[in-house]
Amino acid sequence: MSVNDPLPWIEPVCALIRDAVAKNLPVIGHCLGGQLMSKALGGTVMRNPVKEIGWGKVAGEDSATARAWLGPYAGKSGTVFQWHGETFSIPSGATRLFSNAHCSNQMFALGPHLAMQCHVEMTPEMIATWCGQWSDEVAAVANQPSVQAPAEMLGEIGERLPVMRQLSEQVYAVWIKGLRR
């Protein structure tokens, strides 16, 4: 599914996002949600040069906004979970927080709003379920360095998930502060 597909719910969701942003109500989006946020806020969604599936490195930006959102992860690299073939541009006024060699826009913030291309919300059960759909997703691209096989993804959960959970707690804690008014 793409936010560029002619689906009847896409524009109403984009309108809802624009309305929330106009009212300064914090919005958060993961993957397709991040793409919807970019589109709603004037960005574009396009095919990424490669599919990213599995654990992948990201590099944190080192700006004031990145430091506020990422805390100790600002200016450092880490590992997040990926499962996408498209990506978004950074809308005007927003700040990129993460990028990597395969996808330059992994996460952006605009005031109290957070959009992610990557998946920091994953659980072992979600990863296992998605791995069950792996062959449908990567039929033509399984040998790309940006794509892991299910055995690799599942085998790295113990090492990668606890570290990613710390990152997710950091960004969610900042996002949640925007809800307190």
C-alpha atoms as a PDB file:
ATOM      1  CA  MET A   1       0.000   0.000   0.000  1.00  0.00           C
ATOM      2  CA  SER A   2       1.152   3.517  -0.778  1.00  0.00           C
ATOM      3  CA  VAL A   3      -0.129   6.922   0.269  1.00  0.00           C
ATOM      4  CA  ASN A   4      -0.057   7.642  -3.468  1.00  0.00           C
ATOM      5  CA  ASP A   5      -2.655   4.920  -4.170  1.00  0.00           C
ATOM      6  CA  PRO A   6      -6.121   6.234  -5.109  1.00  0.00           C
ATOM      7  CA  LEU A   7      -7.699   5.015  -1.863  1.00  0.00           C
ATOM      8  CA  PRO A   8     -10.748   6.911  -0.571  1.00  0.00           C
ATOM      9  CA  TRP A   9      -9.433   7.258   3.001  1.00  0.00           C
ATOM     10  CA  ILE A  10      -6.044   8.846   2.207  1.00  0.00           C
ATOM     11  CA  GLU A  11      -7.157  12.465   1.797  1.00  0.00           C
ATOM     12  CA  PRO A  12      -9.453  12.423   4.870  1.00  0.00           C
ATOM     13  CA  VAL A  13      -6.567  11.075   6.979  1.00  0.00           C
ATOM     14  CA  CYS A  14      -4.253  13.772   5.576  1.00  0.00           C
ATOM     15  CA  ALA A  15      -6.898  16.392   6.417  1.00  0.00           C
ATOM     16  CA  LEU A  16      -7.137  15.010   9.960  1.00  0.00           C
ATOM     17  CA  ILE A  17      -3.331  15.260  10.308  1.00  0.00           C
ATOM     18  CA  ARG A  18      -3.311  18.843   9.008  1.00  0.00           C
ATOM     19  CA  ASP A  19      -6.109  19.770  11.415  1.00  0.00           C
ATOM     20  CA  ALA A  20      -4.269  18.240  14.401  1.00  0.00           C
ATOM     21  CA  VAL A  21      -1.033  20.017  13.435  1.00  0.00           C
ATOM     22  CA  ALA A  22      -2.892  23.321  13.039  1.00  0.00           C
ATOM     23  CA  LYS A  23      -4.315  22.840  16.548  1.00  0.00           C
ATOM     24  CA  ASN A  24      -0.861  21.837  17.854  1.00  0.00           C
ATOM     25  CA  LEU A  25      -2.181  18.406  18.912  1.00  0.00           C
ATOM     26  CA  PRO A  26       0.784  15.984  18.812  1.00  0.00           C
ATOM     27  CA  VAL A  27       0.697  13.548  15.896  1.00  0.00           C
ATOM     28  CA  ILE A  28       2.879  10.444  15.573  1.00  0.00           C
ATOM     29  CA  GLY A  29       3.284   8.191  12.553  1.00  0.00           C
ATOM     30  CA  HIS A  30       5.203   4.965  11.968  1.00  0.00           C
ATOM     31  CA  CYS A  31       6.140   3.982   8.387  1.00  0.00           C
ATOM     32  CA  LEU A  32       2.909   4.485   6.399  1.00  0.00           C
ATOM     33  CA  GLY A  33       1.833   6.899   9.140  1.00  0.00           C
ATOM     34  CA  GLY A  34       5.057   8.868   8.698  1.00  0.00           C
ATOM     35  CA  GLN A  35       4.468   8.910   4.956  1.00  0.00           C
ATOM     36  CA  LEU A  36       0.917  10.189   5.520  1.00  0.00           C
ATOM     37  CA  MET A  37       2.299  12.925   7.766  1.00  0.00           C
ATOM     38  CA  SER A  38       4.846  13.978   5.149  1.00  0.00           C
ATOM     39  CA  LYS A  39       2.199  14.088   2.415  1.00  0.00           C
ATOM     40  CA  ALA A  40      -0.283  15.946   4.621  1.00  0.00           C
ATOM     41  CA  LEU A  41       2.348  18.554   5.503  1.00  0.00           C
ATOM     42  CA  GLY A  42       3.443  19.234   1.924  1.00  0.00           C
ATOM     43  CA  GLY A  43       6.140  16.591   1.482  1.00  0.00           C
ATOM     44  CA  THR A  44       6.217  13.874  -1.130  1.00  0.00           C
ATOM     45  CA  VAL A  45       6.251  10.101  -0.932  1.00  0.00           C
ATOM     46  CA  MET A  46       8.234   8.193  -3.526  1.00  0.00           C
ATOM     47  CA  ARG A  47       9.831   4.814  -4.162  1.00  0.00           C
ATOM     48  CA  ASN A  48      12.968   4.362  -2.081  1.00  0.00           C
ATOM     49  CA  PRO A  49      16.052   3.355  -4.117  1.00  0.00           C
ATOM     50  CA  VAL A  50      15.985  -0.040  -2.341  1.00  0.00           C
ATOM     51  CA  LYS A  51      13.645  -1.912  -0.047  1.00  0.00           C
ATOM     52  CA  GLU A  52      14.748  -1.965   3.561  1.00  0.00           C
ATOM     53  CA  ILE A  53      13.645  -5.053   5.447  1.00  0.00           C
ATOM     54  CA  GLY A  54      15.100  -6.150   8.763  1.00  0.00           C
ATOM     55  CA  TRP A  55      17.509  -4.569  11.196  1.00  0.00           C
ATOM     56  CA  GLY A  56      19.307  -1.536   9.812  1.00  0.00           C
ATOM     57  CA  LYS A  57      21.702   1.114  11.038  1.00  0.00           C
ATOM     58  CA  VAL A  58      20.608   4.736  11.318  1.00  0.00           C
ATOM     59  CA  ALA A  59      22.605   7.860  12.043  1.00  0.00           C
ATOM     60  CA  GLY A  60      21.207  10.465  14.412  1.00  0.00           C
ATOM     61  CA  GLU A  61      21.432  14.116  13.447  1.00  0.00           C
ATOM     62  CA  ASP A  62      23.118  16.514  15.869  1.00  0.00           C
ATOM     63  CA  SER A  63      20.918  19.604  15.800  1.00  0.00           C
ATOM     64  CA  ALA A  64      19.104  21.269  18.701  1.00  0.00           C
ATOM     65  CA  THR A  65      15.858  19.598  17.609  1.00  0.00           C
ATOM     66  CA  ALA A  66      17.556  16.202  17.307  1.00  0.00           C
ATOM     67  CA  ARG A  67      19.094  16.581  20.755  1.00  0.00           C
ATOM     68  CA  ALA A  68      15.676  17.446  22.210  1.00  0.00           C
ATOM     69  CA  TRP A  69      14.013  14.390  20.618  1.00  0.00           C
ATOM     70  CA  LEU A  70      16.836  11.839  20.609  1.00  0.00           C
ATOM     71  CA  GLY A  71      18.625  12.750  23.830  1.00  0.00           C
ATOM     72  CA  PRO A  72      21.718  10.522  24.079  1.00  0.00           C
ATOM     73  CA  TYR A  73      21.112   9.149  20.551  1.00  0.00           C
ATOM     74  CA  ALA A  74      21.623  12.547  18.867  1.00  0.00           C
ATOM     75  CA  GLY A  75      24.722  12.492  16.683  1.00  0.00           C
ATOM     76  CA  LYS A  76      25.151   8.736  17.169  1.00  0.00           C
ATOM     77  CA  SER A  77      24.296   5.659  15.161  1.00  0.00           C
ATOM     78  CA  GLY A  78      21.967   2.902  16.244  1.00  0.00           C
ATOM     79  CA  THR A  79      19.893   0.052  14.872  1.00  0.00           C
ATOM     80  CA  VAL A  80      16.167   0.114  14.136  1.00  0.00           C
ATOM     81  CA  PHE A  81      13.758  -2.215  12.384  1.00  0.00           C
ATOM     82  CA  GLN A  82      12.813  -1.513   8.759  1.00  0.00           C
ATOM     83  CA  TRP A  83      10.063  -2.771   6.452  1.00  0.00           C
ATOM     84  CA  HIS A  84       9.437  -0.393   3.555  1.00  0.00           C
ATOM     85  CA  GLY A  85       9.901   0.191  -0.149  1.00  0.00           C
ATOM     86  CA  GLU A  86       8.885   3.848  -0.245  1.00  0.00           C
ATOM     87  CA  THR A  87      10.041   6.894   1.677  1.00  0.00           C
ATOM     88  CA  PHE A  88       9.074  10.495   2.345  1.00  0.00           C
ATOM     89  CA  SER A  89      10.631  13.904   1.932  1.00  0.00           C
ATOM     90  CA  ILE A  90      11.031  16.183   4.937  1.00  0.00           C
ATOM     91  CA  PRO A  91       8.238  18.790   4.875  1.00  0.00           C
ATOM     92  CA  SER A  92       9.073  22.472   5.071  1.00  0.00           C
ATOM     93  CA  GLY A  93       9.788  23.532   8.646  1.00  0.00           C
ATOM     94  CA  ALA A  94      10.424  19.972   9.866  1.00  0.00           C
ATOM     95  CA  THR A  95      13.809  18.642  11.005  1.00  0.00           C
ATOM     96  CA  ARG A  96      15.340  15.313  10.050  1.00  0.00           C
ATOM     97  CA  LEU A  97      16.309  13.251  13.105  1.00  0.00           C
ATOM     98  CA  PHE A  98      17.656  10.023  11.546  1.00  0.00           C
ATOM     99  CA  SER A  99      19.002   8.944   8.157  1.00  0.00           C
ATOM    100  CA  ASN A 100      20.976   6.033   6.739  1.00  0.00           C
ATOM    101  CA  ALA A 101      22.815   4.920   3.610  1.00  0.00           C
ATOM    102  CA  HIS A 102      19.702   3.288   2.110  1.00  0.00           C
ATOM    103  CA  CYS A 103      17.073   5.887   3.015  1.00  0.00           C
ATOM    104  CA  SER A 104      18.002   9.474   3.761  1.00  0.00           C
ATOM    105  CA  ASN A 105      14.829  10.307   5.682  1.00  0.00           C
ATOM    106  CA  GLN A 106      14.171   7.880   8.525  1.00  0.00           C
ATOM    107  CA  MET A 107      12.535  10.229  11.043  1.00  0.00           C
ATOM    108  CA  PHE A 108      11.503  13.870  11.293  1.00  0.00           C
ATOM    109  CA  ALA A 109      10.015  16.190  13.885  1.00  0.00           C
ATOM    110  CA  LEU A 110       7.910  19.282  13.459  1.00  0.00           C
ATOM    111  CA  GLY A 111       7.195  20.872  16.823  1.00  0.00           C
ATOM    112  CA  PRO A 112       5.455  18.161  18.913  1.00  0.00           C
ATOM    113  CA  HIS A 113       4.845  15.936  15.852  1.00  0.00           C
ATOM    114  CA  LEU A 114       6.985  12.887  15.069  1.00  0.00           C
ATOM    115  CA  ALA A 115       7.101  10.930  11.793  1.00  0.00           C
ATOM    116  CA  MET A 116       9.121   7.757  11.307  1.00  0.00           C
ATOM    117  CA  GLN A 117       9.952   5.664   8.264  1.00  0.00           C
ATOM    118  CA  CYS A 118      11.577   3.092  10.512  1.00  0.00           C
ATOM    119  CA  HIS A 119       9.821   0.936  13.092  1.00  0.00           C
ATOM    120  CA  VAL A 120      10.878   1.516  16.700  1.00  0.00           C
ATOM    121  CA  GLU A 121       7.623   0.023  18.014  1.00  0.00           C
ATOM    122  CA  MET A 122       8.377  -3.603  17.152  1.00  0.00           C
ATOM    123  CA  THR A 123       7.902  -6.608  19.434  1.00  0.00           C
ATOM    124  CA  PRO A 124       9.234 -10.147  18.924  1.00  0.00           C
ATOM    125  CA  GLU A 125       5.713 -11.258  17.980  1.00  0.00           C
ATOM    126  CA  MET A 126       5.349  -8.532  15.358  1.00  0.00           C
ATOM    127  CA  ILE A 127       8.716  -9.395  13.831  1.00  0.00           C
ATOM    128  CA  ALA A 128       7.787 -13.091  13.677  1.00  0.00           C
ATOM    129  CA  THR A 129       4.443 -12.280  12.026  1.00  0.00           C
ATOM    130  CA  TRP A 130       6.051 -10.005   9.453  1.00  0.00           C
ATOM    131  CA  CYS A 131       8.725 -12.614   8.730  1.00  0.00           C
ATOM    132  CA  GLY A 132       5.870 -14.919   7.732  1.00  0.00           C
ATOM    133  CA  GLN A 133       5.138 -12.471   4.883  1.00  0.00           C
ATOM    134  CA  TRP A 134       8.783 -12.053   3.903  1.00  0.00           C
ATOM    135  CA  SER A 135       8.700 -14.059   0.666  1.00  0.00           C
ATOM    136  CA  ASP A 136       5.799 -11.988  -0.716  1.00  0.00           C
ATOM    137  CA  GLU A 137       7.597  -8.768   0.114  1.00  0.00           C
ATOM    138  CA  VAL A 138      11.097  -9.480  -1.213  1.00  0.00           C
ATOM    139  CA  ALA A 139      10.653 -11.852  -4.148  1.00  0.00           C
ATOM    140  CA  ALA A 140      12.903  -9.846  -6.479  1.00  0.00           C
ATOM    141  CA  VAL A 141      15.227  -8.145  -4.008  1.00  0.00           C
ATOM    142  CA  ALA A 142      16.235 -10.745  -1.417  1.00  0.00           C
ATOM    143  CA  ASN A 143      19.953 -10.395  -2.193  1.00  0.00           C
ATOM    144  CA  GLN A 144      20.183  -6.642  -1.534  1.00  0.00           C
ATOM    145  CA  PRO A 145      22.315  -5.584   1.446  1.00  0.00           C
ATOM    146  CA  SER A 146      19.293  -3.665   2.788  1.00  0.00           C
ATOM    147  CA  VAL A 147      17.208  -6.853   3.078  1.00  0.00           C
ATOM    148  CA  GLN A 148      17.638  -9.529   5.736  1.00  0.00           C
ATOM    149  CA  ALA A 149      16.264 -13.052   5.654  1.00  0.00           C
ATOM    150  CA  PRO A 150      13.800 -14.052   8.391  1.00  0.00           C
ATOM    151  CA  ALA A 151      16.370 -16.205  10.204  1.00  0.00           C
ATOM    152  CA  GLU A 152      18.691 -13.186  10.502  1.00  0.00           C
ATOM    153  CA  MET A 153      15.937 -10.858  11.730  1.00  0.00           C
ATOM    154  CA  LEU A 154      14.673 -13.346  14.287  1.00  0.00           C
ATOM    155  CA  GLY A 155      18.180 -14.301  15.378  1.00  0.00           C
ATOM    156  CA  GLU A 156      19.068 -10.677  16.164  1.00  0.00           C
ATOM    157  CA  ILE A 157      15.990  -9.880  18.296  1.00  0.00           C
ATOM    158  CA  GLY A 158      17.762 -10.639  21.587  1.00  0.00           C
ATOM    159  CA  GLU A 159      20.633  -8.297  20.793  1.00  0.00           C
ATOM    160  CA  ARG A 160      18.847  -5.524  18.892  1.00  0.00           C
ATOM    161  CA  LEU A 161      15.407  -5.177  20.470  1.00  0.00           C
ATOM    162  CA  PRO A 162      16.485  -4.079  23.987  1.00  0.00           C
ATOM    163  CA  VAL A 163      18.656  -1.307  22.543  1.00  0.00           C
ATOM    164  CA  MET A 164      15.929  -0.182  20.148  1.00  0.00           C
ATOM    165  CA  ARG A 165      13.448  -0.227  23.039  1.00  0.00           C
ATOM    166  CA  GLN A 166      15.594   2.393  24.811  1.00  0.00           C
ATOM    167  CA  LEU A 167      15.436   4.598  21.709  1.00  0.00           C
ATOM    168  CA  SER A 168      11.674   4.130  21.415  1.00  0.00           C
ATOM    169  CA  GLU A 169      11.220   5.040  25.086  1.00  0.00           C
ATOM    170  CA  GLN A 170      13.258   8.206  24.498  1.00  0.00           C
ATOM    171  CA  VAL A 171      11.252   9.457  21.502  1.00  0.00           C
ATOM    172  CA  TYR A 172       7.889   8.362  22.918  1.00  0.00           C
ATOM    173  CA  ALA A 173       8.639  10.143  26.213  1.00  0.00           C
ATOM    174  CA  VAL A 174       9.311  13.383  24.324  1.00  0.00           C
ATOM    175  CA  TRP A 175       6.185  12.937  22.181  1.00  0.00           C
ATOM    176  CA  ILE A 176       4.026  12.223  25.231  1.00  0.00           C
ATOM    177  CA  LYS A 177       5.190  15.482  26.883  1.00  0.00           C
ATOM    178  CA  GLY A 178       3.356  17.270  24.064  1.00  0.00           C
ATOM    179  CA  LEU A 179       0.093  15.692  25.255  1.00  0.00           C
ATOM    180  CA  ARG A 180       0.380  17.267  28.717  1.00  0.00           C
ATOM    181  CA  ARG A 181      -1.374  20.612  28.670  1.00  0.00           C
END
